[in-house]
Amino acid sequence: MRSLTRGTRRAGAVAVTAGAVLIAGPLVAPAQAAGGPSGIKAKGAFLLDSGPNKTLWSKAADTKREMASTTKIMTAAVVVTTKGVDLDRKVTVKKAYRDYVAQYGASTADLKTGDKLTVRQLLYGLMLPSGCDAAYALADTFGSGSTTAARTKSFISKMNKKAADLGMKNTKFDSFDGISKTGNNYSTPRDLAKLARHALGNATFKTVVKSTKTVQKATNGRTYTWYNTNKLLGSYKGVIGIKTGTGTKAGPCLVFAATRDKRTVVGAILNSSDRYADATKMLDWAFKQKTATKVTLRQLPPGAQQD
């Protein structure tokens, strides 16, 4: 999902058939550097050793930047940590959700008006194809108020409260999906890594974000097939998520995590011209990889959302 200022983007149809994995050019990380990963193109980056909650390396860790659809990590985190949340609660898709993605040319789970999906299914639609319609549905469902506008505003307030509770001192949300209408939707690599570490502590969140593909059925039998826009997932050994984001001002962003030998490393990249190569270099360094990993990125089938 790109930011509001980036111009219109195709709200492309959700792919309905599984496509074969295609071969892309290899990403090759340079030899390991002693003081940190070298050649990182991101304007901001952060590496966190999740277990001891220890900073491993950073670049402009506390500089505020737009974060595009990595916003949806917080959207999901608010939902899954809601007290007494019923993940099997059914939500009816409103026409307003479809109109919204059409208006902004946003990435979409291609939800159909009138379909009923569970909260759990909407989380997949949120995090895999980066569905702004799914984000809208969740915000409308979990916010408080008598109107859709009031409920979504309430939900965004919950996002900001959770950020404050987590000590995300340089983060602010003005949207439930990253489409910023005021320019006040920003974070830092450090804050995003902190959020990701927290969110991965929830089993439902972790299950959703590590899925490369899911097939879900609405109550009327309609089938939705969603592919994860995070191409690092399934391409680099041990990667378990988490979320892409792309915007005109934000640039390509990526929040990621990988586990090897029971050790989990969380990373955040903001505004990179080569986010997957950056992530590969960062993980190689974090895992003390002696030789650079050659990564062939998992390819998305025709018609699948890109982010």
Protein backbone atom coordinates (compact mmCIF):
# COMPACT_ATOMS: atom_id res chain seq x y z
CA MET A 1 0.00 0.00 0.00
CA ARG A 2 1.32 3.34 -1.00
CA SER A 3 0.66 6.62 0.74
CA LEU A 4 -2.08 9.04 -0.21
CA THR A 5 0.33 11.36 -2.02
CA ARG A 6 1.70 8.79 -4.39
CA GLY A 7 -1.06 8.93 -7.01
CA THR A 8 -3.46 6.26 -8.11
CA ARG A 9 -2.55 2.64 -7.85
CA ARG A 10 -4.32 -0.33 -9.34
CA ALA A 11 -6.59 -1.94 -6.78
CA GLY A 12 -5.91 -5.19 -8.58
CA ALA A 13 -7.95 -8.32 -8.29
CA VAL A 14 -6.98 -10.97 -5.82
CA ALA A 15 -5.33 -13.93 -7.49
CA VAL A 16 -7.62 -16.95 -7.43
CA THR A 17 -5.27 -19.66 -8.60
CA ALA A 18 -1.95 -20.78 -7.24
CA GLY A 19 0.94 -19.81 -9.46
CA ALA A 20 4.27 -21.53 -9.76
CA VAL A 21 7.22 -19.88 -8.05
CA LEU A 22 9.27 -18.08 -10.65
CA ILE A 23 12.98 -17.47 -10.52
CA ALA A 24 14.25 -13.96 -9.94
CA GLY A 25 17.76 -12.67 -10.07
CA PRO A 26 19.89 -13.49 -7.04
CA LEU A 27 20.43 -11.06 -4.22
CA VAL A 28 23.99 -11.32 -3.01
CA ALA A 29 25.07 -9.78 0.27
CA PRO A 30 28.66 -8.59 0.64
CA ALA A 31 31.15 -10.23 2.97
CA GLN A 32 30.36 -9.77 6.65
CA ALA A 33 31.54 -6.56 8.24
CA ALA A 34 32.75 -6.44 11.84
CA GLY A 35 30.95 -3.30 13.03
CA GLY A 36 27.65 -3.95 11.30
CA PRO A 37 26.21 -4.89 7.93
CA SER A 38 27.74 -2.95 5.07
CA GLY A 39 26.12 -1.43 2.03
CA ILE A 40 22.68 -0.83 3.60
CA LYS A 41 20.75 1.52 1.32
CA ALA A 42 17.84 2.21 3.67
CA LYS A 43 17.66 5.71 5.13
CA GLY A 44 16.71 4.14 8.43
CA ALA A 45 17.28 0.63 9.77
CA PHE A 46 17.33 -1.32 13.01
CA LEU A 47 18.26 -4.81 14.19
CA LEU A 48 17.00 -6.25 17.46
CA ASP A 49 17.91 -9.50 19.20
CA SER A 50 14.39 -10.38 20.30
CA GLY A 51 15.13 -12.74 23.20
CA PRO A 52 17.23 -10.39 25.36
CA ASN A 53 15.58 -7.34 23.71
CA LYS A 54 19.04 -6.09 22.76
CA THR A 55 19.96 -3.64 20.02
CA LEU A 56 22.36 -5.26 17.56
CA TRP A 57 22.84 -2.44 15.04
CA SER A 58 21.07 0.64 13.81
CA LYS A 59 21.11 3.42 11.23
CA ALA A 60 19.14 6.63 11.94
CA ALA A 61 17.21 4.55 14.47
CA ASP A 62 15.18 7.43 15.90
CA THR A 63 14.57 9.54 12.81
CA LYS A 64 10.83 9.86 12.15
CA ARG A 65 9.72 8.73 8.71
CA GLU A 66 6.48 7.77 7.03
CA MET A 67 5.96 4.01 7.30
CA ALA A 68 3.25 3.24 4.70
CA SER A 69 1.59 -0.17 5.18
CA THR A 70 3.89 -1.28 7.98
CA THR A 71 1.20 0.67 9.87
CA LYS A 72 -0.91 -2.48 9.59
CA ILE A 73 1.32 -4.26 12.11
CA MET A 74 -0.24 -2.00 14.74
CA THR A 75 -3.71 -2.50 13.26
CA ALA A 76 -3.31 -6.24 13.73
CA ALA A 77 -1.67 -5.87 17.15
CA VAL A 78 -4.57 -3.82 18.50
CA VAL A 79 -7.07 -6.42 17.28
CA VAL A 80 -5.31 -9.57 18.52
CA THR A 81 -4.57 -8.09 21.94
CA THR A 82 -8.09 -6.76 22.51
CA LYS A 83 -9.34 -8.20 25.79
CA GLY A 84 -11.71 -11.10 25.14
CA VAL A 85 -11.30 -10.86 21.37
CA ASP A 86 -13.39 -13.39 19.43
CA LEU A 87 -11.37 -14.27 16.35
CA ASP A 88 -14.33 -16.21 14.96
CA ARG A 89 -16.66 -13.20 15.14
CA LYS A 90 -18.23 -12.66 11.74
CA VAL A 91 -17.93 -9.27 10.06
CA THR A 92 -20.09 -8.20 7.12
CA VAL A 93 -18.22 -6.40 4.34
CA LYS A 94 -19.66 -2.94 3.71
CA LYS A 95 -19.69 -1.17 0.38
CA ALA A 96 -17.77 1.65 2.08
CA TYR A 97 -14.71 -0.60 2.40
CA ARG A 98 -14.63 -1.25 -1.35
CA ASP A 99 -15.32 2.38 -2.17
CA TYR A 100 -12.41 3.40 0.03
CA VAL A 101 -9.79 1.33 -1.80
CA ALA A 102 -11.22 2.46 -5.13
CA GLN A 103 -11.03 6.12 -4.07
CA TYR A 104 -7.40 5.93 -3.00
CA GLY A 105 -6.18 3.29 -5.44
CA ALA A 106 -5.11 1.29 -2.41
CA SER A 107 -3.93 -2.27 -2.08
CA THR A 108 -6.85 -4.57 -1.47
CA ALA A 109 -7.99 -7.99 -0.30
CA ASP A 110 -10.80 -7.53 -2.86
CA LEU A 111 -13.49 -8.05 -0.25
CA LYS A 112 -16.97 -8.34 -1.76
CA THR A 113 -19.86 -6.32 -0.38
CA GLY A 114 -22.17 -8.45 1.74
CA ASP A 115 -19.70 -11.27 2.32
CA LYS A 116 -19.20 -12.36 5.92
CA LEU A 117 -15.69 -13.18 7.09
CA THR A 118 -14.29 -13.83 10.53
CA VAL A 119 -11.92 -11.49 12.31
CA ARG A 120 -9.22 -14.14 11.86
CA GLN A 121 -9.81 -14.20 8.10
CA LEU A 122 -9.71 -10.41 7.94
CA LEU A 123 -6.31 -10.49 9.66
CA TYR A 124 -5.02 -12.62 6.78
CA GLY A 125 -6.59 -10.17 4.30
CA LEU A 126 -4.88 -7.33 6.17
CA MET A 127 -1.39 -8.76 6.46
CA LEU A 128 -0.88 -10.89 3.32
CA PRO A 129 -2.20 -8.83 0.36
CA SER A 130 -1.99 -5.67 2.52
CA GLY A 131 -5.73 -5.13 2.19
CA CYS A 132 -6.78 -1.60 3.10
CA ASP A 133 -10.38 -2.81 2.86
CA ALA A 134 -9.60 -5.44 5.51
CA ALA A 135 -7.95 -2.74 7.65
CA TYR A 136 -11.07 -0.59 7.32
CA ALA A 137 -13.30 -3.53 8.28
CA LEU A 138 -11.24 -4.26 11.40
CA ALA A 139 -11.07 -0.61 12.47
CA ASP A 140 -14.83 -0.26 11.97
CA THR A 141 -15.44 -3.43 13.98
CA PHE A 142 -13.09 -2.78 16.90
CA GLY A 143 -13.55 0.96 17.28
CA SER A 144 -16.28 2.52 19.44
CA GLY A 145 -18.99 4.91 18.34
CA SER A 146 -22.33 5.22 16.56
CA THR A 147 -20.92 5.90 13.07
CA THR A 148 -18.20 4.38 10.91
CA ALA A 149 -16.23 7.64 11.09
CA ALA A 150 -16.42 7.65 14.89
CA ARG A 151 -15.42 4.00 15.15
CA THR A 152 -12.40 4.32 12.86
CA LYS A 153 -11.28 7.45 14.73
CA SER A 154 -11.64 5.53 17.99
CA PHE A 155 -9.61 2.65 16.60
CA ILE A 156 -6.78 4.96 15.55
CA SER A 157 -6.79 6.35 19.10
CA LYS A 158 -6.33 2.78 20.34
CA MET A 159 -3.36 2.42 17.99
CA ASN A 160 -1.77 5.54 19.46
CA LYS A 161 -2.46 4.42 23.01
CA LYS A 162 -0.82 1.07 22.37
CA ALA A 163 2.18 2.83 20.83
CA ALA A 164 2.49 4.93 24.00
CA ASP A 165 2.10 1.85 26.20
CA LEU A 166 4.91 0.13 24.30
CA GLY A 167 7.21 3.13 24.66
CA MET A 168 7.15 3.97 20.95
CA LYS A 169 8.15 7.56 21.66
CA ASN A 170 8.61 8.68 18.06
CA THR A 171 5.51 7.14 16.51
CA LYS A 172 2.12 8.57 15.60
CA PHE A 173 -0.81 7.12 13.68
CA ASP A 174 -3.43 9.07 11.80
CA SER A 175 -4.72 6.09 9.83
CA PHE A 176 -5.59 2.42 10.25
CA ASP A 177 -3.70 1.35 7.13
CA GLY A 178 -0.94 3.85 6.33
CA ILE A 179 -2.89 6.07 3.94
CA SER A 180 -2.11 9.31 5.73
CA LYS A 181 -4.51 12.17 5.22
CA THR A 182 -2.66 14.66 7.45
CA GLY A 183 0.97 13.57 7.11
CA ASN A 184 1.00 12.54 10.77
CA ASN A 185 1.53 8.83 10.28
CA TYR A 186 5.15 8.11 11.08
CA SER A 187 7.50 5.96 13.07
CA THR A 188 11.17 5.05 13.42
CA PRO A 189 13.11 1.85 12.81
CA ARG A 190 13.60 1.39 16.55
CA ASP A 191 9.90 1.82 17.32
CA LEU A 192 8.80 -0.51 14.54
CA ALA A 193 11.20 -3.23 15.71
CA LYS A 194 9.82 -2.79 19.23
CA LEU A 195 6.25 -3.15 17.92
CA ALA A 196 7.14 -6.20 15.84
CA ARG A 197 8.76 -7.94 18.80
CA HIS A 198 5.63 -7.32 20.86
CA ALA A 199 3.27 -8.49 18.10
CA LEU A 200 5.21 -11.71 17.51
CA GLY A 201 4.44 -12.64 21.09
CA ASN A 202 0.86 -13.27 19.98
CA ALA A 203 0.37 -16.72 18.46
CA THR A 204 -2.36 -15.63 16.05
CA PHE A 205 -0.29 -12.73 14.69
CA LYS A 206 2.74 -14.97 14.27
CA THR A 207 0.75 -17.63 12.42
CA VAL A 208 -0.74 -15.07 10.04
CA VAL A 209 2.44 -13.20 9.10
CA LYS A 210 4.51 -16.32 8.43
CA SER A 211 2.00 -17.56 5.81
CA THR A 212 3.09 -17.15 2.21
CA LYS A 213 -0.43 -17.93 0.95
CA THR A 214 -3.87 -18.61 2.35
CA VAL A 215 -7.22 -19.73 0.96
CA GLN A 216 -10.24 -18.54 2.97
CA LYS A 217 -13.97 -19.07 2.43
CA ALA A 218 -16.66 -16.55 3.29
CA THR A 219 -19.89 -17.84 4.83
CA ASN A 220 -21.55 -17.79 1.41
CA GLY A 221 -18.84 -20.07 0.02
CA ARG A 222 -16.89 -17.44 -1.89
CA THR A 223 -13.19 -18.29 -1.93
CA TYR A 224 -10.47 -15.73 -1.31
CA THR A 225 -6.86 -16.58 -2.17
CA TRP A 226 -4.27 -14.20 -0.78
CA TYR A 227 -0.50 -14.12 -1.25
CA ASN A 228 1.96 -12.50 1.12
CA THR A 229 3.57 -9.41 -0.42
CA ASN A 230 6.71 -9.97 1.69
CA LYS A 231 8.99 -11.69 -0.81
CA LEU A 232 11.69 -12.31 1.80
CA LEU A 233 9.33 -14.85 3.35
CA GLY A 234 10.04 -18.23 1.80
CA SER A 235 13.25 -16.90 0.24
CA TYR A 236 15.63 -16.55 3.18
CA LYS A 237 16.14 -19.37 5.69
CA GLY A 238 14.30 -18.82 8.94
CA VAL A 239 12.22 -15.76 7.98
CA ILE A 240 8.88 -15.67 9.84
CA GLY A 241 7.35 -12.40 8.54
CA ILE A 242 6.40 -9.59 8.91
CA LYS A 243 5.15 -6.73 6.67
CA THR A 244 5.94 -4.65 3.61
CA GLY A 245 5.01 -1.04 2.98
CA THR A 246 5.50 1.31 0.03
CA GLY A 247 4.67 4.98 -0.44
CA THR A 248 5.79 8.00 -2.43
CA LYS A 249 7.28 9.72 0.62
CA ALA A 250 7.81 6.57 2.67
CA GLY A 251 9.64 4.70 -0.08
CA PRO A 252 9.88 0.91 0.13
CA CYS A 253 9.74 -0.28 3.75
CA LEU A 254 10.04 -3.68 5.40
CA VAL A 255 9.66 -5.02 8.91
CA PHE A 256 11.01 -8.55 9.14
CA ALA A 257 12.01 -11.30 11.54
CA ALA A 258 13.90 -14.56 11.30
CA THR A 259 14.60 -17.42 13.70
CA ARG A 260 17.62 -19.70 13.67
CA ASP A 261 18.72 -22.06 16.45
CA LYS A 262 15.93 -20.73 18.70
CA ARG A 263 17.26 -17.17 18.32
CA THR A 264 14.92 -14.59 16.79
CA VAL A 265 16.14 -11.38 15.18
CA VAL A 266 13.74 -8.56 14.32
CA GLY A 267 14.58 -5.88 11.76
CA ALA A 268 13.03 -2.71 10.39
CA ILE A 269 13.89 -0.87 7.18
CA LEU A 270 12.47 2.52 6.19
CA ASN A 271 12.85 4.07 2.75
CA SER A 272 15.23 1.71 0.97
CA SER A 273 15.91 1.45 -2.73
CA ASP A 274 16.66 -2.26 -2.22
CA ARG A 275 14.87 -3.45 0.93
CA TYR A 276 15.23 -7.20 0.38
CA ALA A 277 18.95 -6.98 -0.26
CA ASP A 278 19.24 -4.77 2.83
CA ALA A 279 17.33 -7.29 4.94
CA THR A 280 19.48 -10.14 3.64
CA LYS A 281 22.68 -8.30 4.56
CA MET A 282 21.31 -7.40 7.97
CA LEU A 283 20.26 -10.96 8.77
CA ASP A 284 23.53 -12.42 7.48
CA TRP A 285 25.38 -10.10 9.82
CA ALA A 286 23.08 -10.79 12.77
CA PHE A 287 23.42 -14.55 12.36
CA LYS A 288 27.19 -14.26 11.84
CA GLN A 289 26.96 -15.75 8.37
CA LYS A 290 30.50 -16.16 7.09
CA THR A 291 29.55 -16.21 3.44
CA ALA A 292 26.95 -14.00 1.83
CA THR A 293 23.55 -15.60 1.29
CA LYS A 294 22.35 -15.73 -2.28
CA VAL A 295 18.60 -15.18 -2.23
CA THR A 296 16.19 -15.93 -5.06
CA LEU A 297 13.08 -14.00 -4.15
CA ARG A 298 9.74 -15.76 -4.06
CA GLN A 299 7.66 -14.36 -6.91
CA LEU A 300 3.99 -13.42 -6.69
CA PRO A 301 1.63 -14.85 -9.30
CA PRO A 302 0.01 -12.59 -11.92
CA GLY A 303 -2.85 -10.57 -10.46
CA ALA A 304 -1.61 -10.77 -6.87
CA GLN A 305 -1.22 -7.57 -4.89
CA GLN A 306 2.22 -5.96 -4.82
CA ASP A 307 3.42 -3.75 -1.98
